[in-house]
Amino acid sequence: MNKYLQITVLKFLSLVIVFMIAGCGKEEQNPDIPSVYINITIDPGSTFYQELNTVGGWIYLTSEPPSRGLIVYRLAIDEFIAYDRYPPNNAGKCCTAQGVCTRLLVDDYFPFVQDTCTNTSYLILDGSRFEGEGRYPLIRYNTVYNGQMLRIFN
């Protein structure tokens, strides 16, 4: 094999390895969760979103069904995380006598996100399951913050 071909093969194999490693850390999402389109822009520095004015603050936002709303958390001065309030492990399970389906809660559970239907807790910092049943992490959306406006999207 000539030297040019060897270098090309090595470059190709290096790229394959890099893509395999990059894909290893990705958590899968429950395939039973319905797809939802999210594209929301807010100004987290406004008084309307006062809870997001400081690091560690969080709020609920409404969104179009089948989403059950969003949890937005300010991780750092320039970094936000957004999760769906749809429980990631029990798609469609409703725990009330009226058939109202559960939404994930932060409220008194902070720094955890709680599925009160199954008593499953998730870390608000990364969406991973902390305790309880299920194998899926929280449904996380992309966020981009330009210093003034926060865009949440998928």
N, C-alpha and C. Protein backbone atom coordinates (compact mmCIF):
# COMPACT_ATOMS: atom_id res chain seq x y z
N MET A 1 0.85 -1.17 0.00
CA MET A 1 0.00 0.00 0.00
C MET A 1 0.90 1.24 0.00
N ASN A 2 0.57 2.20 -0.88
CA ASN A 2 1.43 3.38 -0.94
C ASN A 2 1.16 4.31 0.26
N LYS A 3 2.08 5.23 0.48
CA LYS A 3 2.03 6.09 1.65
C LYS A 3 0.78 6.99 1.66
N TYR A 4 0.37 7.51 0.50
CA TYR A 4 -0.81 8.38 0.42
C TYR A 4 -2.06 7.62 0.83
N LEU A 5 -2.20 6.40 0.39
CA LEU A 5 -3.36 5.57 0.72
C LEU A 5 -3.37 5.25 2.22
N GLN A 6 -2.22 4.98 2.79
CA GLN A 6 -2.14 4.70 4.22
C GLN A 6 -2.58 5.91 5.05
N ILE A 7 -2.15 7.10 4.66
CA ILE A 7 -2.52 8.32 5.38
C ILE A 7 -4.03 8.55 5.26
N THR A 8 -4.59 8.34 4.08
CA THR A 8 -6.02 8.51 3.87
C THR A 8 -6.82 7.55 4.73
N VAL A 9 -6.40 6.29 4.78
CA VAL A 9 -7.09 5.29 5.59
C VAL A 9 -7.00 5.66 7.07
N LEU A 10 -5.85 6.12 7.53
CA LEU A 10 -5.69 6.52 8.93
C LEU A 10 -6.58 7.72 9.27
N LYS A 11 -6.66 8.69 8.36
CA LYS A 11 -7.54 9.84 8.60
C LYS A 11 -8.99 9.39 8.69
N PHE A 12 -9.40 8.51 7.79
CA PHE A 12 -10.78 8.02 7.80
C PHE A 12 -11.08 7.28 9.10
N LEU A 13 -10.19 6.39 9.52
CA LEU A 13 -10.39 5.64 10.75
C LEU A 13 -10.42 6.58 11.97
N SER A 14 -9.60 7.61 11.95
CA SER A 14 -9.60 8.59 13.04
C SER A 14 -10.94 9.29 13.14
N LEU A 15 -11.49 9.69 11.99
CA LEU A 15 -12.81 10.34 11.99
C LEU A 15 -13.90 9.42 12.50
N VAL A 16 -13.86 8.15 12.09
CA VAL A 16 -14.86 7.18 12.55
C VAL A 16 -14.79 7.04 14.06
N ILE A 17 -13.59 6.95 14.61
CA ILE A 17 -13.41 6.80 16.06
C ILE A 17 -13.92 8.04 16.79
N VAL A 18 -13.62 9.24 16.27
CA VAL A 18 -14.08 10.47 16.90
C VAL A 18 -15.61 10.52 16.94
N PHE A 19 -16.28 10.17 15.83
CA PHE A 19 -17.74 10.18 15.80
C PHE A 19 -18.34 9.12 16.72
N MET A 20 -17.69 7.98 16.83
CA MET A 20 -18.19 6.94 17.74
C MET A 20 -18.10 7.39 19.19
N ILE A 21 -16.98 8.02 19.54
CA ILE A 21 -16.80 8.50 20.91
C ILE A 21 -17.78 9.62 21.22
N ALA A 22 -17.98 10.54 20.28
CA ALA A 22 -18.91 11.65 20.49
C ALA A 22 -20.33 11.16 20.69
N GLY A 23 -20.71 10.09 20.05
CA GLY A 23 -22.07 9.56 20.18
C GLY A 23 -22.28 8.73 21.43
N CYS A 24 -21.22 8.33 22.10
CA CYS A 24 -21.36 7.46 23.26
C CYS A 24 -22.02 8.14 24.45
N GLY A 25 -21.80 9.44 24.64
CA GLY A 25 -22.34 10.11 25.81
C GLY A 25 -23.81 10.49 25.68
N LYS A 26 -24.37 10.35 24.52
CA LYS A 26 -25.76 10.76 24.32
C LYS A 26 -26.72 9.79 24.94
N GLU A 27 -27.63 10.32 25.73
CA GLU A 27 -28.66 9.49 26.34
C GLU A 27 -29.81 9.37 25.36
N GLU A 28 -30.40 8.22 25.32
CA GLU A 28 -31.53 8.05 24.43
C GLU A 28 -32.80 8.56 25.09
N GLN A 29 -33.79 8.83 24.25
CA GLN A 29 -35.08 9.31 24.74
C GLN A 29 -36.12 8.23 24.54
N ASN A 30 -37.08 8.17 25.43
CA ASN A 30 -38.17 7.20 25.36
C ASN A 30 -38.90 7.35 24.02
N PRO A 31 -38.95 6.31 23.20
CA PRO A 31 -39.61 6.41 21.90
C PRO A 31 -41.13 6.58 22.00
N ASP A 32 -41.71 6.34 23.17
CA ASP A 32 -43.15 6.50 23.35
C ASP A 32 -43.57 7.95 23.64
N ILE A 33 -42.61 8.84 23.83
CA ILE A 33 -42.91 10.25 24.07
C ILE A 33 -43.21 10.90 22.72
N PRO A 34 -44.34 11.59 22.62
CA PRO A 34 -44.66 12.24 21.34
C PRO A 34 -43.69 13.37 21.02
N SER A 35 -43.39 13.53 19.74
CA SER A 35 -42.52 14.63 19.30
C SER A 35 -43.26 15.95 19.45
N VAL A 36 -42.52 16.98 19.77
CA VAL A 36 -43.10 18.30 19.95
C VAL A 36 -42.14 19.33 19.36
N TYR A 37 -42.68 20.37 18.75
CA TYR A 37 -41.87 21.45 18.20
C TYR A 37 -41.76 22.55 19.25
N ILE A 38 -40.53 22.90 19.62
CA ILE A 38 -40.28 23.96 20.60
C ILE A 38 -39.40 25.02 19.95
N ASN A 39 -39.86 26.27 20.01
CA ASN A 39 -39.07 27.40 19.53
C ASN A 39 -39.56 28.64 20.28
N ILE A 40 -38.94 28.91 21.42
CA ILE A 40 -39.36 29.99 22.32
C ILE A 40 -38.17 30.91 22.55
N THR A 41 -38.42 32.21 22.53
CA THR A 41 -37.38 33.19 22.85
C THR A 41 -37.90 34.09 23.97
N ILE A 42 -37.08 34.23 25.03
CA ILE A 42 -37.45 35.08 26.16
C ILE A 42 -36.26 35.95 26.54
N ASP A 43 -36.54 37.00 27.31
CA ASP A 43 -35.50 37.87 27.88
C ASP A 43 -35.41 37.53 29.37
N PRO A 44 -34.45 36.67 29.75
CA PRO A 44 -34.38 36.26 31.16
C PRO A 44 -33.99 37.38 32.12
N GLY A 45 -33.56 38.51 31.60
CA GLY A 45 -33.23 39.65 32.46
C GLY A 45 -34.42 40.54 32.77
N SER A 46 -35.56 40.26 32.16
CA SER A 46 -36.74 41.09 32.40
C SER A 46 -37.38 40.73 33.74
N THR A 47 -38.20 41.64 34.23
CA THR A 47 -38.88 41.38 35.50
C THR A 47 -39.93 40.28 35.37
N PHE A 48 -40.40 40.03 34.15
CA PHE A 48 -41.37 38.97 33.93
C PHE A 48 -40.78 37.59 34.24
N TYR A 49 -39.47 37.45 34.03
CA TYR A 49 -38.76 36.19 34.30
C TYR A 49 -37.77 36.39 35.45
N GLN A 50 -38.20 37.08 36.48
CA GLN A 50 -37.33 37.48 37.58
C GLN A 50 -36.58 36.31 38.22
N GLU A 51 -37.21 35.15 38.29
CA GLU A 51 -36.56 33.99 38.90
C GLU A 51 -35.30 33.57 38.14
N LEU A 52 -35.21 33.93 36.86
CA LEU A 52 -34.03 33.57 36.05
C LEU A 52 -32.95 34.64 36.11
N ASN A 53 -33.16 35.70 36.87
CA ASN A 53 -32.18 36.78 36.95
C ASN A 53 -30.91 36.38 37.69
N THR A 54 -30.96 35.28 38.45
CA THR A 54 -29.78 34.84 39.19
C THR A 54 -29.46 33.38 38.88
N VAL A 55 -28.19 33.06 38.99
CA VAL A 55 -27.75 31.67 38.80
C VAL A 55 -28.44 30.80 39.84
N GLY A 56 -28.97 29.66 39.40
CA GLY A 56 -29.70 28.75 40.28
C GLY A 56 -31.20 28.98 40.26
N GLY A 57 -31.63 30.02 39.55
CA GLY A 57 -33.07 30.29 39.46
C GLY A 57 -33.72 29.42 38.40
N TRP A 58 -35.01 29.20 38.55
CA TRP A 58 -35.75 28.37 37.59
C TRP A 58 -37.18 28.87 37.48
N ILE A 59 -37.82 28.54 36.36
CA ILE A 59 -39.22 28.89 36.14
C ILE A 59 -39.89 27.80 35.30
N TYR A 60 -41.21 27.83 35.31
CA TYR A 60 -42.01 27.02 34.38
C TYR A 60 -42.43 27.93 33.22
N LEU A 61 -42.42 27.41 32.02
CA LEU A 61 -42.96 28.10 30.86
C LEU A 61 -44.02 27.21 30.23
N THR A 62 -45.02 27.82 29.64
CA THR A 62 -46.03 27.04 28.92
C THR A 62 -45.55 26.80 27.49
N SER A 63 -46.04 25.75 26.89
CA SER A 63 -45.73 25.43 25.50
C SER A 63 -46.90 24.66 24.91
N GLU A 64 -46.86 24.51 23.62
CA GLU A 64 -47.95 23.84 22.91
C GLU A 64 -47.94 22.34 23.17
N PRO A 65 -49.14 21.74 23.31
CA PRO A 65 -49.22 20.28 23.43
C PRO A 65 -48.64 19.61 22.19
N PRO A 66 -48.10 18.44 22.31
CA PRO A 66 -48.20 17.51 23.43
C PRO A 66 -47.21 17.77 24.55
N SER A 67 -46.41 18.83 24.47
CA SER A 67 -45.55 19.18 25.59
C SER A 67 -46.44 19.50 26.80
N ARG A 68 -45.91 19.28 27.99
CA ARG A 68 -46.64 19.64 29.21
C ARG A 68 -46.06 20.89 29.86
N GLY A 69 -45.29 21.63 29.07
CA GLY A 69 -44.64 22.83 29.56
C GLY A 69 -43.15 22.61 29.70
N LEU A 70 -42.43 23.66 30.08
CA LEU A 70 -40.98 23.59 30.20
C LEU A 70 -40.52 23.99 31.60
N ILE A 71 -39.38 23.47 31.98
CA ILE A 71 -38.66 23.92 33.16
C ILE A 71 -37.39 24.56 32.62
N VAL A 72 -37.15 25.82 32.94
CA VAL A 72 -35.93 26.51 32.52
C VAL A 72 -35.12 26.81 33.77
N TYR A 73 -33.85 26.44 33.73
CA TYR A 73 -32.95 26.58 34.89
C TYR A 73 -31.71 27.35 34.46
N ARG A 74 -31.30 28.33 35.27
CA ARG A 74 -30.09 29.10 34.98
C ARG A 74 -28.92 28.42 35.67
N LEU A 75 -28.11 27.74 34.87
CA LEU A 75 -26.97 26.96 35.37
C LEU A 75 -25.78 27.85 35.69
N ALA A 76 -25.54 28.87 34.88
CA ALA A 76 -24.43 29.79 35.06
C ALA A 76 -24.86 31.15 34.54
N ILE A 77 -24.02 32.15 34.68
CA ILE A 77 -24.38 33.50 34.26
C ILE A 77 -24.74 33.54 32.78
N ASP A 78 -24.13 32.65 31.98
CA ASP A 78 -24.39 32.65 30.54
C ASP A 78 -24.86 31.29 30.01
N GLU A 79 -25.41 30.46 30.90
CA GLU A 79 -25.84 29.13 30.48
C GLU A 79 -27.17 28.74 31.12
N PHE A 80 -28.08 28.29 30.27
CA PHE A 80 -29.40 27.86 30.70
C PHE A 80 -29.65 26.43 30.25
N ILE A 81 -30.52 25.73 30.97
CA ILE A 81 -30.94 24.39 30.61
C ILE A 81 -32.46 24.41 30.56
N ALA A 82 -33.03 23.71 29.59
CA ALA A 82 -34.49 23.63 29.48
C ALA A 82 -34.92 22.18 29.32
N TYR A 83 -35.91 21.78 30.11
CA TYR A 83 -36.45 20.43 30.06
C TYR A 83 -37.95 20.50 29.82
N ASP A 84 -38.49 19.44 29.22
CA ASP A 84 -39.93 19.32 29.12
C ASP A 84 -40.46 18.82 30.45
N ARG A 85 -41.69 19.18 30.79
CA ARG A 85 -42.31 18.70 32.03
C ARG A 85 -43.00 17.37 31.82
N TYR A 86 -42.87 16.79 30.64
CA TYR A 86 -43.44 15.48 30.33
C TYR A 86 -42.58 14.41 31.01
N PRO A 87 -43.14 13.57 31.86
CA PRO A 87 -42.33 12.52 32.51
C PRO A 87 -41.70 11.60 31.46
N PRO A 88 -40.41 11.44 31.48
CA PRO A 88 -39.73 10.72 30.41
C PRO A 88 -39.87 9.20 30.45
N ASN A 89 -40.32 8.63 31.55
CA ASN A 89 -40.34 7.18 31.65
C ASN A 89 -41.72 6.53 31.58
N ASN A 90 -42.76 7.28 31.80
CA ASN A 90 -44.11 6.70 31.80
C ASN A 90 -45.00 7.49 30.86
N ALA A 91 -44.74 7.35 29.59
CA ALA A 91 -45.48 8.11 28.58
C ALA A 91 -46.98 7.85 28.70
N GLY A 92 -47.73 8.91 28.84
CA GLY A 92 -49.18 8.80 28.84
C GLY A 92 -49.80 8.38 30.16
N LYS A 93 -49.00 8.05 31.16
CA LYS A 93 -49.56 7.62 32.44
C LYS A 93 -50.16 8.83 33.16
N CYS A 94 -51.38 8.69 33.60
CA CYS A 94 -52.08 9.77 34.31
C CYS A 94 -52.43 9.27 35.70
N CYS A 95 -52.12 10.07 36.70
CA CYS A 95 -52.24 9.60 38.07
C CYS A 95 -53.38 10.18 38.87
N THR A 96 -54.24 10.93 38.25
CA THR A 96 -55.36 11.48 39.02
C THR A 96 -56.66 10.82 38.61
N ALA A 97 -57.61 10.87 39.48
CA ALA A 97 -58.92 10.26 39.21
C ALA A 97 -59.61 10.94 38.03
N GLN A 98 -59.29 12.21 37.79
CA GLN A 98 -59.90 12.94 36.69
C GLN A 98 -59.19 12.69 35.36
N GLY A 99 -58.14 11.88 35.37
CA GLY A 99 -57.40 11.59 34.14
C GLY A 99 -56.44 12.68 33.73
N VAL A 100 -56.14 13.61 34.65
CA VAL A 100 -55.18 14.67 34.36
C VAL A 100 -53.79 14.06 34.46
N CYS A 101 -53.00 14.24 33.43
CA CYS A 101 -51.68 13.62 33.40
C CYS A 101 -50.65 14.46 34.17
N THR A 102 -49.72 13.77 34.75
CA THR A 102 -48.68 14.37 35.59
C THR A 102 -47.77 15.29 34.80
N ARG A 103 -47.35 16.36 35.46
CA ARG A 103 -46.29 17.23 34.97
C ARG A 103 -45.16 17.16 35.99
N LEU A 104 -43.95 17.21 35.50
CA LEU A 104 -42.81 17.22 36.42
C LEU A 104 -42.82 18.51 37.23
N LEU A 105 -42.38 18.41 38.49
CA LEU A 105 -42.37 19.55 39.40
C LEU A 105 -40.98 19.82 39.94
N VAL A 106 -40.69 21.09 40.21
CA VAL A 106 -39.47 21.47 40.90
C VAL A 106 -39.87 21.93 42.30
N ASP A 107 -40.63 23.01 42.40
CA ASP A 107 -41.15 23.58 43.63
C ASP A 107 -40.37 23.18 44.89
N ASP A 108 -40.95 22.38 45.77
CA ASP A 108 -40.31 21.99 47.04
C ASP A 108 -39.23 20.94 46.86
N TYR A 109 -39.03 20.43 45.67
CA TYR A 109 -38.07 19.36 45.43
C TYR A 109 -36.69 19.87 45.01
N PHE A 110 -36.55 21.16 44.74
CA PHE A 110 -35.29 21.72 44.26
C PHE A 110 -34.14 21.28 45.16
N PRO A 111 -33.02 20.84 44.65
CA PRO A 111 -32.50 20.89 43.28
C PRO A 111 -32.85 19.66 42.43
N PHE A 112 -33.96 19.06 42.70
CA PHE A 112 -34.42 17.92 41.91
C PHE A 112 -35.69 18.28 41.16
N VAL A 113 -35.96 17.50 40.14
CA VAL A 113 -37.22 17.57 39.41
C VAL A 113 -37.94 16.28 39.75
N GLN A 114 -39.19 16.36 40.13
CA GLN A 114 -39.91 15.20 40.66
C GLN A 114 -41.07 14.79 39.77
N ASP A 115 -41.16 13.49 39.50
CA ASP A 115 -42.35 12.90 38.90
C ASP A 115 -43.16 12.37 40.07
N THR A 116 -44.20 13.10 40.45
CA THR A 116 -44.98 12.73 41.64
C THR A 116 -45.83 11.49 41.42
N CYS A 117 -46.03 11.10 40.18
CA CYS A 117 -46.82 9.91 39.87
C CYS A 117 -46.03 8.64 40.23
N THR A 118 -44.73 8.66 39.94
CA THR A 118 -43.91 7.46 40.17
C THR A 118 -42.88 7.66 41.28
N ASN A 119 -42.84 8.88 41.87
CA ASN A 119 -41.82 9.23 42.87
C ASN A 119 -40.40 9.06 42.35
N THR A 120 -40.21 9.41 41.08
CA THR A 120 -38.88 9.39 40.47
C THR A 120 -38.31 10.80 40.51
N SER A 121 -37.04 10.91 40.93
CA SER A 121 -36.36 12.20 41.01
C SER A 121 -35.26 12.29 39.95
N TYR A 122 -35.09 13.49 39.41
CA TYR A 122 -34.06 13.77 38.41
C TYR A 122 -33.26 14.97 38.88
N LEU A 123 -31.97 15.00 38.56
CA LEU A 123 -31.13 16.15 38.90
C LEU A 123 -31.42 17.29 37.94
N ILE A 124 -31.67 18.48 38.46
CA ILE A 124 -31.95 19.62 37.59
C ILE A 124 -30.70 20.06 36.84
N LEU A 125 -29.52 19.73 37.35
CA LEU A 125 -28.26 20.15 36.73
C LEU A 125 -27.99 19.48 35.39
N ASP A 126 -28.41 18.22 35.25
CA ASP A 126 -28.13 17.52 33.99
C ASP A 126 -29.28 16.64 33.48
N GLY A 127 -30.36 16.55 34.25
CA GLY A 127 -31.53 15.79 33.81
C GLY A 127 -31.44 14.30 34.04
N SER A 128 -30.37 13.83 34.67
CA SER A 128 -30.22 12.39 34.90
C SER A 128 -31.14 11.93 36.03
N ARG A 129 -31.52 10.66 35.96
CA ARG A 129 -32.39 10.09 36.99
C ARG A 129 -31.57 9.94 38.26
N PHE A 130 -32.11 10.40 39.38
CA PHE A 130 -31.43 10.32 40.66
C PHE A 130 -31.90 9.12 41.46
N GLU A 131 -33.22 8.97 41.57
CA GLU A 131 -33.77 7.79 42.24
C GLU A 131 -35.18 7.54 41.72
N GLY A 132 -35.60 6.31 41.85
CA GLY A 132 -36.92 5.93 41.38
C GLY A 132 -36.84 5.03 40.16
N GLU A 133 -37.97 4.80 39.55
CA GLU A 133 -38.03 3.86 38.43
C GLU A 133 -37.74 4.55 37.10
N GLY A 134 -37.42 3.74 36.11
CA GLY A 134 -37.21 4.25 34.76
C GLY A 134 -35.75 4.29 34.37
N ARG A 135 -35.53 4.39 33.07
CA ARG A 135 -34.16 4.41 32.58
C ARG A 135 -33.83 5.66 31.78
N TYR A 136 -34.84 6.49 31.47
CA TYR A 136 -34.63 7.64 30.61
C TYR A 136 -34.39 8.91 31.42
N PRO A 137 -33.52 9.80 30.90
CA PRO A 137 -33.31 11.11 31.54
C PRO A 137 -34.43 12.07 31.14
N LEU A 138 -34.41 13.25 31.71
CA LEU A 138 -35.38 14.28 31.34
C LEU A 138 -35.23 14.62 29.86
N ILE A 139 -36.31 15.08 29.26
CA ILE A 139 -36.29 15.50 27.86
C ILE A 139 -35.72 16.92 27.83
N ARG A 140 -34.54 17.04 27.23
CA ARG A 140 -33.82 18.32 27.25
C ARG A 140 -33.88 18.99 25.88
N TYR A 141 -34.02 20.31 25.91
CA TYR A 141 -34.04 21.10 24.68
C TYR A 141 -32.77 21.93 24.56
N ASN A 142 -32.45 22.33 23.35
CA ASN A 142 -31.30 23.18 23.09
C ASN A 142 -31.58 24.59 23.61
N THR A 143 -30.55 25.24 24.09
CA THR A 143 -30.66 26.63 24.53
C THR A 143 -29.48 27.42 23.98
N VAL A 144 -29.75 28.65 23.57
CA VAL A 144 -28.71 29.58 23.13
C VAL A 144 -29.00 30.91 23.80
N TYR A 145 -27.99 31.45 24.47
CA TYR A 145 -28.13 32.72 25.16
C TYR A 145 -27.08 33.68 24.62
N ASN A 146 -27.53 34.83 24.13
CA ASN A 146 -26.59 35.79 23.54
C ASN A 146 -26.25 36.94 24.49
N GLY A 147 -26.54 36.79 25.75
CA GLY A 147 -26.28 37.84 26.73
C GLY A 147 -27.52 38.67 27.03
N GLN A 148 -28.52 38.56 26.17
CA GLN A 148 -29.78 39.28 26.41
C GLN A 148 -30.99 38.37 26.21
N MET A 149 -31.05 37.68 25.10
CA MET A 149 -32.19 36.84 24.78
C MET A 149 -31.81 35.36 24.88
N LEU A 150 -32.74 34.58 25.39
CA LEU A 150 -32.56 33.13 25.51
C LEU A 150 -33.50 32.45 24.52
N ARG A 151 -32.94 31.62 23.66
CA ARG A 151 -33.74 30.86 22.72
C ARG A 151 -33.74 29.40 23.16
N ILE A 152 -34.93 28.81 23.22
CA ILE A 152 -35.11 27.40 23.58
C ILE A 152 -35.74 26.72 22.37
N PHE A 153 -35.13 25.65 21.90
CA PHE A 153 -35.59 25.03 20.66
C PHE A 153 -35.15 23.58 20.57
N ASN A 154 -35.74 22.88 19.61
CA ASN A 154 -35.28 21.52 19.31
C ASN A 154 -34.97 21.39 17.84
